[in-house]
Amino acid sequence: MPINRLFRDGKFKPEEVERLNRAYSFTLRSLRLVDRDNDPVCDIIARKVIEIDGAGTYEPKEIASLAVKQLGIP
């Protein structure tokens, strides 16, 4: 899962990793995308999910909704 590569620095707690993984999965599902390693689109989505979480939104489905909206994907 591309989002997990972004957690290697150890700055995320286990509960944050779980929440971000759920938000990432919801985002991919809403866009009808498949999680693939080395897919630049999946990497962009993963980074956007982390950015939204870092800005203070913590509900995975809300993060997913905001990610889709901010990425401008209908």
PDB file of N, CA and C in Angstrom:
ATOM      1  N   MET A   1       0.845  -1.171   0.000  1.00  0.00           N
ATOM      2  CA  MET A   1       0.000   0.000   0.000  1.00  0.00           C
ATOM      3  C   MET A   1       0.896   1.241   0.000  1.00  0.00           C
ATOM      4  N   PRO A   2       0.767   2.116  -1.003  1.00  0.00           N
ATOM      5  CA  PRO A   2       1.638   3.281  -1.100  1.00  0.00           C
ATOM      6  C   PRO A   2       1.633   4.180   0.132  1.00  0.00           C
ATOM      7  N   ILE A   3       0.514   4.301   0.795  1.00  0.00           N
ATOM      8  CA  ILE A   3       0.467   5.194   1.957  1.00  0.00           C
ATOM      9  C   ILE A   3       1.387   4.694   3.078  1.00  0.00           C
ATOM     10  N   ASN A   4       1.560   3.395   3.190  1.00  0.00           N
ATOM     11  CA  ASN A   4       2.410   2.847   4.260  1.00  0.00           C
ATOM     12  C   ASN A   4       3.872   3.243   4.086  1.00  0.00           C
ATOM     13  N   ARG A   5       4.316   3.464   2.862  1.00  0.00           N
ATOM     14  CA  ARG A   5       5.692   3.914   2.634  1.00  0.00           C
ATOM     15  C   ARG A   5       5.948   5.261   3.299  1.00  0.00           C
ATOM     16  N   LEU A   6       4.895   6.052   3.446  1.00  0.00           N
ATOM     17  CA  LEU A   6       5.031   7.391   4.003  1.00  0.00           C
ATOM     18  C   LEU A   6       5.099   7.396   5.525  1.00  0.00           C
ATOM     19  N   PHE A   7       4.912   6.240   6.147  1.00  0.00           N
ATOM     20  CA  PHE A   7       4.935   6.139   7.609  1.00  0.00           C
ATOM     21  C   PHE A   7       6.273   5.641   8.145  1.00  0.00           C
ATOM     22  N   ARG A   8       7.227   5.424   7.304  1.00  0.00           N
ATOM     23  CA  ARG A   8       8.489   4.814   7.724  1.00  0.00           C
ATOM     24  C   ARG A   8       9.318   5.666   8.672  1.00  0.00           C
ATOM     25  N   ASP A   9       9.074   6.963   8.700  1.00  0.00           N
ATOM     26  CA  ASP A   9       9.904   7.820   9.548  1.00  0.00           C
ATOM     27  C   ASP A   9       9.550   7.708  11.027  1.00  0.00           C
ATOM     28  N   GLY A  10       8.470   7.002  11.358  1.00  0.00           N
ATOM     29  CA  GLY A  10       8.116   6.749  12.741  1.00  0.00           C
ATOM     30  C   GLY A  10       7.421   7.888  13.461  1.00  0.00           C
ATOM     31  N   LYS A  11       7.015   8.935  12.741  1.00  0.00           N
ATOM     32  CA  LYS A  11       6.380  10.058  13.424  1.00  0.00           C
ATOM     33  C   LYS A  11       4.876   9.853  13.627  1.00  0.00           C
ATOM     34  N   PHE A  12       4.337   8.763  13.108  1.00  0.00           N
ATOM     35  CA  PHE A  12       2.909   8.476  13.255  1.00  0.00           C
ATOM     36  C   PHE A  12       2.686   7.382  14.293  1.00  0.00           C
ATOM     37  N   LYS A  13       1.690   7.595  15.143  1.00  0.00           N
ATOM     38  CA  LYS A  13       1.307   6.600  16.134  1.00  0.00           C
ATOM     39  C   LYS A  13       0.459   5.525  15.453  1.00  0.00           C
ATOM     40  N   PRO A  14       0.408   4.318  16.033  1.00  0.00           N
ATOM     41  CA  PRO A  14      -0.370   3.232  15.418  1.00  0.00           C
ATOM     42  C   PRO A  14      -1.827   3.597  15.128  1.00  0.00           C
ATOM     43  N   GLU A  15      -2.473   4.340  16.021  1.00  0.00           N
ATOM     44  CA  GLU A  15      -3.868   4.710  15.786  1.00  0.00           C
ATOM     45  C   GLU A  15      -3.993   5.711  14.635  1.00  0.00           C
ATOM     46  N   GLU A  16      -2.968   6.531  14.430  1.00  0.00           N
ATOM     47  CA  GLU A  16      -2.961   7.460  13.295  1.00  0.00           C
ATOM     48  C   GLU A  16      -2.783   6.694  11.987  1.00  0.00           C
ATOM     49  N   VAL A  17      -1.895   5.720  12.007  1.00  0.00           N
ATOM     50  CA  VAL A  17      -1.666   4.897  10.817  1.00  0.00           C
ATOM     51  C   VAL A  17      -2.955   4.182  10.425  1.00  0.00           C
ATOM     52  N   GLU A  18      -3.646   3.633  11.400  1.00  0.00           N
ATOM     53  CA  GLU A  18      -4.908   2.935  11.123  1.00  0.00           C
ATOM     54  C   GLU A  18      -5.935   3.894  10.522  1.00  0.00           C
ATOM     55  N   ARG A  19      -6.075   5.077  11.121  1.00  0.00           N
ATOM     56  CA  ARG A  19      -7.031   6.073  10.631  1.00  0.00           C
ATOM     57  C   ARG A  19      -6.686   6.513   9.210  1.00  0.00           C
ATOM     58  N   LEU A  20      -5.414   6.770   8.944  1.00  0.00           N
ATOM     59  CA  LEU A  20      -4.995   7.206   7.621  1.00  0.00           C
ATOM     60  C   LEU A  20      -5.169   6.104   6.574  1.00  0.00           C
ATOM     61  N   ASN A  21      -4.908   4.866   6.956  1.00  0.00           N
ATOM     62  CA  ASN A  21      -5.135   3.751   6.037  1.00  0.00           C
ATOM     63  C   ASN A  21      -6.610   3.632   5.677  1.00  0.00           C
ATOM     64  N   ARG A  22      -7.485   3.812   6.672  1.00  0.00           N
ATOM     65  CA  ARG A  22      -8.920   3.757   6.403  1.00  0.00           C
ATOM     66  C   ARG A  22      -9.339   4.895   5.479  1.00  0.00           C
ATOM     67  N   ALA A  23      -8.859   6.101   5.749  1.00  0.00           N
ATOM     68  CA  ALA A  23      -9.193   7.254   4.913  1.00  0.00           C
ATOM     69  C   ALA A  23      -8.689   7.059   3.490  1.00  0.00           C
ATOM     70  N   TYR A  24      -7.497   6.530   3.350  1.00  0.00           N
ATOM     71  CA  TYR A  24      -6.910   6.260   2.039  1.00  0.00           C
ATOM     72  C   TYR A  24      -7.758   5.230   1.284  1.00  0.00           C
ATOM     73  N   SER A  25      -8.155   4.173   1.965  1.00  0.00           N
ATOM     74  CA  SER A  25      -8.995   3.144   1.332  1.00  0.00           C
ATOM     75  C   SER A  25     -10.339   3.715   0.904  1.00  0.00           C
ATOM     76  N   PHE A  26     -10.956   4.530   1.763  1.00  0.00           N
ATOM     77  CA  PHE A  26     -12.232   5.163   1.411  1.00  0.00           C
ATOM     78  C   PHE A  26     -12.068   6.055   0.179  1.00  0.00           C
ATOM     79  N   THR A  27     -10.965   6.789   0.116  1.00  0.00           N
ATOM     80  CA  THR A  27     -10.717   7.683  -1.009  1.00  0.00           C
ATOM     81  C   THR A  27     -10.570   6.890  -2.300  1.00  0.00           C
ATOM     82  N   LEU A  28      -9.768   5.844  -2.266  1.00  0.00           N
ATOM     83  CA  LEU A  28      -9.596   5.021  -3.464  1.00  0.00           C
ATOM     84  C   LEU A  28     -10.917   4.414  -3.904  1.00  0.00           C
ATOM     85  N   ARG A  29     -11.673   3.912  -2.941  1.00  0.00           N
ATOM     86  CA  ARG A  29     -12.960   3.292  -3.263  1.00  0.00           C
ATOM     87  C   ARG A  29     -13.912   4.298  -3.908  1.00  0.00           C
ATOM     88  N   SER A  30     -13.944   5.515  -3.371  1.00  0.00           N
ATOM     89  CA  SER A  30     -14.860   6.511  -3.922  1.00  0.00           C
ATOM     90  C   SER A  30     -14.457   6.932  -5.336  1.00  0.00           C
ATOM     91  N   LEU A  31     -13.177   6.803  -5.649  1.00  0.00           N
ATOM     92  CA  LEU A  31     -12.676   7.134  -6.988  1.00  0.00           C
ATOM     93  C   LEU A  31     -12.634   5.918  -7.917  1.00  0.00           C
ATOM     94  N   ARG A  32     -13.022   4.767  -7.371  1.00  0.00           N
ATOM     95  CA  ARG A  32     -12.999   3.495  -8.108  1.00  0.00           C
ATOM     96  C   ARG A  32     -11.597   3.180  -8.638  1.00  0.00           C
ATOM     97  N   LEU A  33     -10.623   3.382  -7.745  1.00  0.00           N
ATOM     98  CA  LEU A  33      -9.233   3.079  -8.073  1.00  0.00           C
ATOM     99  C   LEU A  33      -8.763   1.876  -7.285  1.00  0.00           C
ATOM    100  N   VAL A  34      -7.741   1.230  -7.809  1.00  0.00           N
ATOM    101  CA  VAL A  34      -7.128   0.083  -7.155  1.00  0.00           C
ATOM    102  C   VAL A  34      -5.781   0.536  -6.601  1.00  0.00           C
ATOM    103  N   ASP A  35      -5.494   0.135  -5.382  1.00  0.00           N
ATOM    104  CA  ASP A  35      -4.231   0.478  -4.738  1.00  0.00           C
ATOM    105  C   ASP A  35      -3.100  -0.273  -5.427  1.00  0.00           C
ATOM    106  N   ARG A  36      -2.143   0.477  -5.973  1.00  0.00           N
ATOM    107  CA  ARG A  36      -1.007  -0.138  -6.643  1.00  0.00           C
ATOM    108  C   ARG A  36       0.284   0.535  -6.210  1.00  0.00           C
ATOM    109  N   ASP A  37       1.278  -0.267  -5.950  1.00  0.00           N
ATOM    110  CA  ASP A  37       2.593   0.287  -5.649  1.00  0.00           C
ATOM    111  C   ASP A  37       3.137   0.961  -6.904  1.00  0.00           C
ATOM    112  N   ASN A  38       3.896   2.000  -6.694  1.00  0.00           N
ATOM    113  CA  ASN A  38       4.550   2.748  -7.773  1.00  0.00           C
ATOM    114  C   ASN A  38       3.570   3.409  -8.728  1.00  0.00           C
ATOM    115  N   ASP A  39       2.327   3.620  -8.308  1.00  0.00           N
ATOM    116  CA  ASP A  39       1.348   4.348  -9.113  1.00  0.00           C
ATOM    117  C   ASP A  39       1.364   5.797  -8.629  1.00  0.00           C
ATOM    118  N   PRO A  40       1.773   6.739  -9.470  1.00  0.00           N
ATOM    119  CA  PRO A  40       1.874   8.126  -9.025  1.00  0.00           C
ATOM    120  C   PRO A  40       0.536   8.710  -8.565  1.00  0.00           C
ATOM    121  N   VAL A  41      -0.566   8.263  -9.141  1.00  0.00           N
ATOM    122  CA  VAL A  41      -1.880   8.757  -8.723  1.00  0.00           C
ATOM    123  C   VAL A  41      -2.164   8.322  -7.286  1.00  0.00           C
ATOM    124  N   CYS A  42      -1.878   7.069  -6.968  1.00  0.00           N
ATOM    125  CA  CYS A  42      -2.083   6.573  -5.604  1.00  0.00           C
ATOM    126  C   CYS A  42      -1.176   7.301  -4.623  1.00  0.00           C
ATOM    127  N   ASP A  43       0.017   7.637  -5.045  1.00  0.00           N
ATOM    128  CA  ASP A  43       0.938   8.378  -4.185  1.00  0.00           C
ATOM    129  C   ASP A  43       0.419   9.786  -3.904  1.00  0.00           C
ATOM    130  N   ILE A  44      -0.115  10.440  -4.917  1.00  0.00           N
ATOM    131  CA  ILE A  44      -0.688  11.779  -4.743  1.00  0.00           C
ATOM    132  C   ILE A  44      -1.864  11.723  -3.774  1.00  0.00           C
ATOM    133  N   ILE A  45      -2.701  10.719  -3.932  1.00  0.00           N
ATOM    134  CA  ILE A  45      -3.858  10.557  -3.052  1.00  0.00           C
ATOM    135  C   ILE A  45      -3.401  10.318  -1.618  1.00  0.00           C
ATOM    136  N   ALA A  46      -2.413   9.469  -1.425  1.00  0.00           N
ATOM    137  CA  ALA A  46      -1.901   9.180  -0.085  1.00  0.00           C
ATOM    138  C   ALA A  46      -1.376  10.448   0.578  1.00  0.00           C
ATOM    139  N   ARG A  47      -0.628  11.239  -0.149  1.00  0.00           N
ATOM    140  CA  ARG A  47      -0.083  12.481   0.404  1.00  0.00           C
ATOM    141  C   ARG A  47      -1.190  13.484   0.738  1.00  0.00           C
ATOM    142  N   LYS A  48      -2.223  13.536  -0.085  1.00  0.00           N
ATOM    143  CA  LYS A  48      -3.341  14.435   0.174  1.00  0.00           C
ATOM    144  C   LYS A  48      -4.087  14.005   1.433  1.00  0.00           C
ATOM    145  N   VAL A  49      -4.286  12.711   1.613  1.00  0.00           N
ATOM    146  CA  VAL A  49      -4.951  12.195   2.816  1.00  0.00           C
ATOM    147  C   VAL A  49      -4.168  12.595   4.066  1.00  0.00           C
ATOM    148  N   ILE A  50      -2.866  12.440   4.029  1.00  0.00           N
ATOM    149  CA  ILE A  50      -2.026  12.804   5.175  1.00  0.00           C
ATOM    150  C   ILE A  50      -2.069  14.315   5.410  1.00  0.00           C
ATOM    151  N   GLU A  51      -2.070  15.093   4.352  1.00  0.00           N
ATOM    152  CA  GLU A  51      -2.137  16.547   4.472  1.00  0.00           C
ATOM    153  C   GLU A  51      -3.442  16.987   5.155  1.00  0.00           C
ATOM    154  N   ILE A  52      -4.555  16.405   4.735  1.00  0.00           N
ATOM    155  CA  ILE A  52      -5.856  16.760   5.309  1.00  0.00           C
ATOM    156  C   ILE A  52      -5.910  16.364   6.779  1.00  0.00           C
ATOM    157  N   ASP A  53      -5.407  15.198   7.102  1.00  0.00           N
ATOM    158  CA  ASP A  53      -5.353  14.758   8.501  1.00  0.00           C
ATOM    159  C   ASP A  53      -4.499  15.736   9.318  1.00  0.00           C
ATOM    160  N   GLY A  54      -3.382  16.133   8.776  1.00  0.00           N
ATOM    161  CA  GLY A  54      -2.483  17.047   9.461  1.00  0.00           C
ATOM    162  C   GLY A  54      -3.089  18.424   9.696  1.00  0.00           C
ATOM    163  N   ALA A  55      -4.099  18.776   8.884  1.00  0.00           N
ATOM    164  CA  ALA A  55      -4.766  20.065   9.030  1.00  0.00           C
ATOM    165  C   ALA A  55      -5.883  20.019  10.066  1.00  0.00           C
ATOM    166  N   GLY A  56      -6.140  18.814  10.626  1.00  0.00           N
ATOM    167  CA  GLY A  56      -7.101  18.735  11.716  1.00  0.00           C
ATOM    168  C   GLY A  56      -8.394  17.999  11.445  1.00  0.00           C
ATOM    169  N   THR A  57      -8.518  17.351  10.314  1.00  0.00           N
ATOM    170  CA  THR A  57      -9.702  16.538  10.034  1.00  0.00           C
ATOM    171  C   THR A  57      -9.325  15.093  10.326  1.00  0.00           C
ATOM    172  N   TYR A  58     -10.068  14.444  11.234  1.00  0.00           N
ATOM    173  CA  TYR A  58      -9.659  13.119  11.700  1.00  0.00           C
ATOM    174  C   TYR A  58     -10.641  11.994  11.394  1.00  0.00           C
ATOM    175  N   GLU A  59     -11.797  12.285  10.845  1.00  0.00           N
ATOM    176  CA  GLU A  59     -12.783  11.253  10.520  1.00  0.00           C
ATOM    177  C   GLU A  59     -12.447  10.725   9.123  1.00  0.00           C
ATOM    178  N   PRO A  60     -12.136   9.418   8.990  1.00  0.00           N
ATOM    179  CA  PRO A  60     -11.684   8.871   7.713  1.00  0.00           C
ATOM    180  C   PRO A  60     -12.590   9.158   6.522  1.00  0.00           C
ATOM    181  N   LYS A  61     -13.901   9.062   6.687  1.00  0.00           N
ATOM    182  CA  LYS A  61     -14.801   9.322   5.552  1.00  0.00           C
ATOM    183  C   LYS A  61     -14.800  10.797   5.178  1.00  0.00           C
ATOM    184  N   GLU A  62     -14.663  11.668   6.153  1.00  0.00           N
ATOM    185  CA  GLU A  62     -14.584  13.100   5.870  1.00  0.00           C
ATOM    186  C   GLU A  62     -13.258  13.434   5.172  1.00  0.00           C
ATOM    187  N   ILE A  63     -12.182  12.806   5.621  1.00  0.00           N
ATOM    188  CA  ILE A  63     -10.883  12.989   4.960  1.00  0.00           C
ATOM    189  C   ILE A  63     -10.990  12.566   3.501  1.00  0.00           C
ATOM    190  N   ALA A  64     -11.612  11.422   3.253  1.00  0.00           N
ATOM    191  CA  ALA A  64     -11.765  10.925   1.884  1.00  0.00           C
ATOM    192  C   ALA A  64     -12.560  11.900   1.030  1.00  0.00           C
ATOM    193  N   SER A  65     -13.654  12.403   1.573  1.00  0.00           N
ATOM    194  CA  SER A  65     -14.488  13.353   0.839  1.00  0.00           C
ATOM    195  C   SER A  65     -13.720  14.623   0.504  1.00  0.00           C
ATOM    196  N   LEU A  66     -12.983  15.143   1.467  1.00  0.00           N
ATOM    197  CA  LEU A  66     -12.188  16.344   1.241  1.00  0.00           C
ATOM    198  C   LEU A  66     -11.060  16.094   0.240  1.00  0.00           C
ATOM    199  N   ALA A  67     -10.449  14.928   0.309  1.00  0.00           N
ATOM    200  CA  ALA A  67      -9.366  14.599  -0.628  1.00  0.00           C
ATOM    201  C   ALA A  67      -9.873  14.612  -2.060  1.00  0.00           C
ATOM    202  N   VAL A  68     -11.009  13.975  -2.290  1.00  0.00           N
ATOM    203  CA  VAL A  68     -11.583  13.944  -3.644  1.00  0.00           C
ATOM    204  C   VAL A  68     -11.884  15.366  -4.107  1.00  0.00           C
ATOM    205  N   LYS A  69     -12.486  16.153  -3.228  1.00  0.00           N
ATOM    206  CA  LYS A  69     -12.853  17.538  -3.570  1.00  0.00           C
ATOM    207  C   LYS A  69     -11.610  18.376  -3.856  1.00  0.00           C
ATOM    208  N   GLN A  70     -10.608  18.288  -2.972  1.00  0.00           N
ATOM    209  CA  GLN A  70      -9.405  19.113  -3.147  1.00  0.00           C
ATOM    210  C   GLN A  70      -8.576  18.698  -4.355  1.00  0.00           C
ATOM    211  N   LEU A  71      -8.633  17.440  -4.706  1.00  0.00           N
ATOM    212  CA  LEU A  71      -7.904  16.980  -5.887  1.00  0.00           C
ATOM    213  C   LEU A  71      -8.639  17.337  -7.183  1.00  0.00           C
ATOM    214  N   GLY A  72      -9.892  17.795  -7.038  1.00  0.00           N
ATOM    215  CA  GLY A  72     -10.664  18.206  -8.213  1.00  0.00           C
ATOM    216  C   GLY A  72     -11.126  17.049  -9.073  1.00  0.00           C
ATOM    217  N   ILE A  73     -11.332  15.918  -8.436  1.00  0.00           N
ATOM    218  CA  ILE A  73     -11.764  14.735  -9.175  1.00  0.00           C
ATOM    219  C   ILE A  73     -13.271  14.567  -8.973  1.00  0.00           C
ATOM    220  N   PRO A  74     -14.036  14.565 -10.054  1.00  0.00           N
ATOM    221  CA  PRO A  74     -15.503  14.455  -9.912  1.00  0.00           C
ATOM    222  C   PRO A  74     -15.976  13.109  -9.400  1.00  0.00           C
TER     223      PRO A  74
END
